[in-house]
């Protein structure tokens, strides 16, 4: 079942142009707004200006480019663990002596 729009190519092109222009207005409006990235915390939702890569699994909603468009932060170098210096003595605290109840 064809409608009159489907039979007339001029109407079809006009409809396509209207839909294309309607989409362009939305794109311009979205670019003007500053980006906002909201993350769920234990108590509430926290919104930031830039994506927080550490909490990407807690992302609730965002306005602006997808967080994957931002470069991932460089992880800090691993911390070198060192054992404390050995000691040649030990100290024993005196044991508490229970006192009789009065």
C-alpha atoms as a PDB file:
ATOM      1  CA  UNK A   1       0.000   0.000   0.000  1.00  0.00           C
ATOM      2  CA  UNK A   2       1.719   3.149  -1.243  1.00  0.00           C
ATOM      3  CA  UNK A   3       0.998   6.633  -0.003  1.00  0.00           C
ATOM      4  CA  UNK A   4       1.092   9.772  -2.131  1.00  0.00           C
ATOM      5  CA  UNK A   5       4.504  10.687  -0.678  1.00  0.00           C
ATOM      6  CA  UNK A   6       6.012   7.400  -1.847  1.00  0.00           C
ATOM      7  CA  UNK A   7       4.690   7.879  -5.423  1.00  0.00           C
ATOM      8  CA  UNK A   8       5.874  11.468  -5.814  1.00  0.00           C
ATOM      9  CA  UNK A   9       9.715  11.751  -5.760  1.00  0.00           C
ATOM     10  CA  UNK A  10       9.581  15.526  -5.219  1.00  0.00           C
ATOM     11  CA  UNK A  11       7.575  15.081  -2.022  1.00  0.00           C
ATOM     12  CA  UNK A  12       9.939  12.328  -0.940  1.00  0.00           C
ATOM     13  CA  UNK A  13      12.979  14.559  -1.461  1.00  0.00           C
ATOM     14  CA  UNK A  14      11.269  17.437   0.361  1.00  0.00           C
ATOM     15  CA  UNK A  15      10.472  15.158   3.289  1.00  0.00           C
ATOM     16  CA  UNK A  16      14.108  13.984   3.387  1.00  0.00           C
ATOM     17  CA  UNK A  17      15.350  17.588   3.357  1.00  0.00           C
ATOM     18  CA  UNK A  18      13.039  18.544   6.226  1.00  0.00           C
ATOM     19  CA  UNK A  19      14.233  15.575   8.293  1.00  0.00           C
ATOM     20  CA  UNK A  20      17.890  16.382   7.545  1.00  0.00           C
ATOM     21  CA  UNK A  21      17.475  20.027   8.560  1.00  0.00           C
ATOM     22  CA  UNK A  22      15.621  19.060  11.729  1.00  0.00           C
ATOM     23  CA  UNK A  23      18.568  16.893  12.715  1.00  0.00           C
ATOM     24  CA  UNK A  24      21.075  19.710  12.081  1.00  0.00           C
ATOM     25  CA  UNK A  25      19.346  22.017  14.563  1.00  0.00           C
ATOM     26  CA  UNK A  26      19.628  19.379  17.271  1.00  0.00           C
ATOM     27  CA  UNK A  27      23.338  18.855  16.568  1.00  0.00           C
ATOM     28  CA  UNK A  28      24.078  22.575  16.926  1.00  0.00           C
ATOM     29  CA  UNK A  29      22.224  22.763  20.221  1.00  0.00           C
ATOM     30  CA  UNK A  30      24.112  19.774  21.627  1.00  0.00           C
ATOM     31  CA  UNK A  31      27.503  21.277  20.721  1.00  0.00           C
ATOM     32  CA  UNK A  32      26.782  24.582  22.509  1.00  0.00           C
ATOM     33  CA  UNK A  33      26.123  22.945  25.896  1.00  0.00           C
ATOM     34  CA  UNK A  34      29.161  22.191  28.053  1.00  0.00           C
ATOM     35  CA  UNK A  35      29.839  18.471  28.529  1.00  0.00           C
ATOM     36  CA  UNK A  36      28.572  16.903  31.752  1.00  0.00           C
ATOM     37  CA  UNK A  37      29.364  13.388  32.999  1.00  0.00           C
ATOM     38  CA  UNK A  38      27.329  12.015  35.927  1.00  0.00           C
ATOM     39  CA  UNK A  39      28.453   9.082  38.083  1.00  0.00           C
ATOM     40  CA  UNK A  40      26.564   7.126  40.749  1.00  0.00           C
ATOM     41  CA  UNK A  41      28.212   7.199  44.163  1.00  0.00           C
ATOM     42  CA  UNK A  42      27.095   5.557  47.374  1.00  0.00           C
ATOM     43  CA  UNK A  43      24.855   8.430  48.441  1.00  0.00           C
ATOM     44  CA  UNK A  44      23.973  10.375  45.278  1.00  0.00           C
ATOM     45  CA  UNK A  45      24.851  11.168  41.688  1.00  0.00           C
ATOM     46  CA  UNK A  46      27.952  13.326  41.154  1.00  0.00           C
ATOM     47  CA  UNK A  47      28.362  15.306  37.919  1.00  0.00           C
ATOM     48  CA  UNK A  48      31.735  16.426  36.547  1.00  0.00           C
ATOM     49  CA  UNK A  49      32.965  18.534  33.618  1.00  0.00           C
ATOM     50  CA  UNK A  50      35.260  15.795  32.287  1.00  0.00           C
ATOM     51  CA  UNK A  51      34.897  12.015  32.296  1.00  0.00           C
ATOM     52  CA  UNK A  52      36.472  10.249  35.247  1.00  0.00           C
ATOM     53  CA  UNK A  53      38.101   7.168  33.722  1.00  0.00           C
ATOM     54  CA  UNK A  54      38.417   5.329  37.034  1.00  0.00           C
ATOM     55  CA  UNK A  55      34.632   5.315  37.520  1.00  0.00           C
ATOM     56  CA  UNK A  56      33.566   4.481  33.962  1.00  0.00           C
ATOM     57  CA  UNK A  57      31.459   1.541  35.201  1.00  0.00           C
ATOM     58  CA  UNK A  58      29.444   3.890  37.441  1.00  0.00           C
ATOM     59  CA  UNK A  59      28.527   6.300  34.592  1.00  0.00           C
ATOM     60  CA  UNK A  60      24.820   7.147  34.816  1.00  0.00           C
ATOM     61  CA  UNK A  61      24.374   9.687  32.023  1.00  0.00           C
ATOM     62  CA  UNK A  62      26.333  12.216  30.007  1.00  0.00           C
ATOM     63  CA  UNK A  63      25.855  15.228  27.744  1.00  0.00           C
ATOM     64  CA  UNK A  64      28.566  15.809  25.153  1.00  0.00           C
ATOM     65  CA  UNK A  65      31.020  13.473  23.488  1.00  0.00           C
ATOM     66  CA  UNK A  66      31.142   9.870  24.629  1.00  0.00           C
ATOM     67  CA  UNK A  67      33.749   9.330  27.398  1.00  0.00           C
ATOM     68  CA  UNK A  68      35.717   7.007  25.104  1.00  0.00           C
ATOM     69  CA  UNK A  69      36.595  10.038  22.943  1.00  0.00           C
ATOM     70  CA  UNK A  70      38.819  11.385  25.728  1.00  0.00           C
ATOM     71  CA  UNK A  71      42.333   9.978  26.119  1.00  0.00           C
ATOM     72  CA  UNK A  72      42.746   7.514  28.962  1.00  0.00           C
ATOM     73  CA  UNK A  73      44.962   8.803  31.778  1.00  0.00           C
ATOM     74  CA  UNK A  74      48.412   7.305  32.111  1.00  0.00           C
ATOM     75  CA  UNK A  75      48.498   4.928  35.090  1.00  0.00           C
ATOM     76  CA  UNK A  76      51.037   5.842  37.782  1.00  0.00           C
ATOM     77  CA  UNK A  77      54.224   3.781  37.904  1.00  0.00           C
ATOM     78  CA  UNK A  78      54.066   0.799  40.252  1.00  0.00           C
ATOM     79  CA  UNK A  79      55.298   1.483  43.753  1.00  0.00           C
ATOM     80  CA  UNK A  80      58.478  -0.305  44.702  1.00  0.00           C
ATOM     81  CA  UNK A  81      57.924  -2.116  47.988  1.00  0.00           C
ATOM     82  CA  UNK A  82      60.785  -2.318  50.460  1.00  0.00           C
ATOM     83  CA  UNK A  83      60.984  -4.376  53.607  1.00  0.00           C
ATOM     84  CA  UNK A  84      61.957  -2.582  56.821  1.00  0.00           C
ATOM     85  CA  UNK A  85      65.482  -2.987  58.111  1.00  0.00           C
ATOM     86  CA  UNK A  86      65.944  -6.140  60.215  1.00  0.00           C
ATOM     87  CA  UNK A  87      66.311  -5.795  63.985  1.00  0.00           C
ATOM     88  CA  UNK A  88      68.199  -8.032  66.424  1.00  0.00           C
ATOM     89  CA  UNK A  89      66.021  -7.545  69.486  1.00  0.00           C
ATOM     90  CA  UNK A  90      62.447  -7.890  70.567  1.00  0.00           C
ATOM     91  CA  UNK A  91      60.362  -6.348  73.322  1.00  0.00           C
ATOM     92  CA  UNK A  92      57.685  -8.154  75.238  1.00  0.00           C
ATOM     93  CA  UNK A  93      55.044  -6.164  77.051  1.00  0.00           C
ATOM     94  CA  UNK A  94      54.016  -7.333  80.447  1.00  0.00           C
ATOM     95  CA  UNK A  95      50.894  -9.426  80.514  1.00  0.00           C
ATOM     96  CA  UNK A  96      47.865  -7.810  82.132  1.00  0.00           C
ATOM     97  CA  UNK A  97      47.068  -9.445  85.442  1.00  0.00           C
ATOM     98  CA  UNK A  98      43.369  -9.745  86.199  1.00  0.00           C
ATOM     99  CA  UNK A  99      42.387  -8.270  89.545  1.00  0.00           C
ATOM    100  CA  UNK A 100      39.675  -9.841  91.700  1.00  0.00           C
ATOM    101  CA  UNK A 101      36.304  -8.126  91.647  1.00  0.00           C
ATOM    102  CA  UNK A 102      35.454  -6.329  94.889  1.00  0.00           C
END
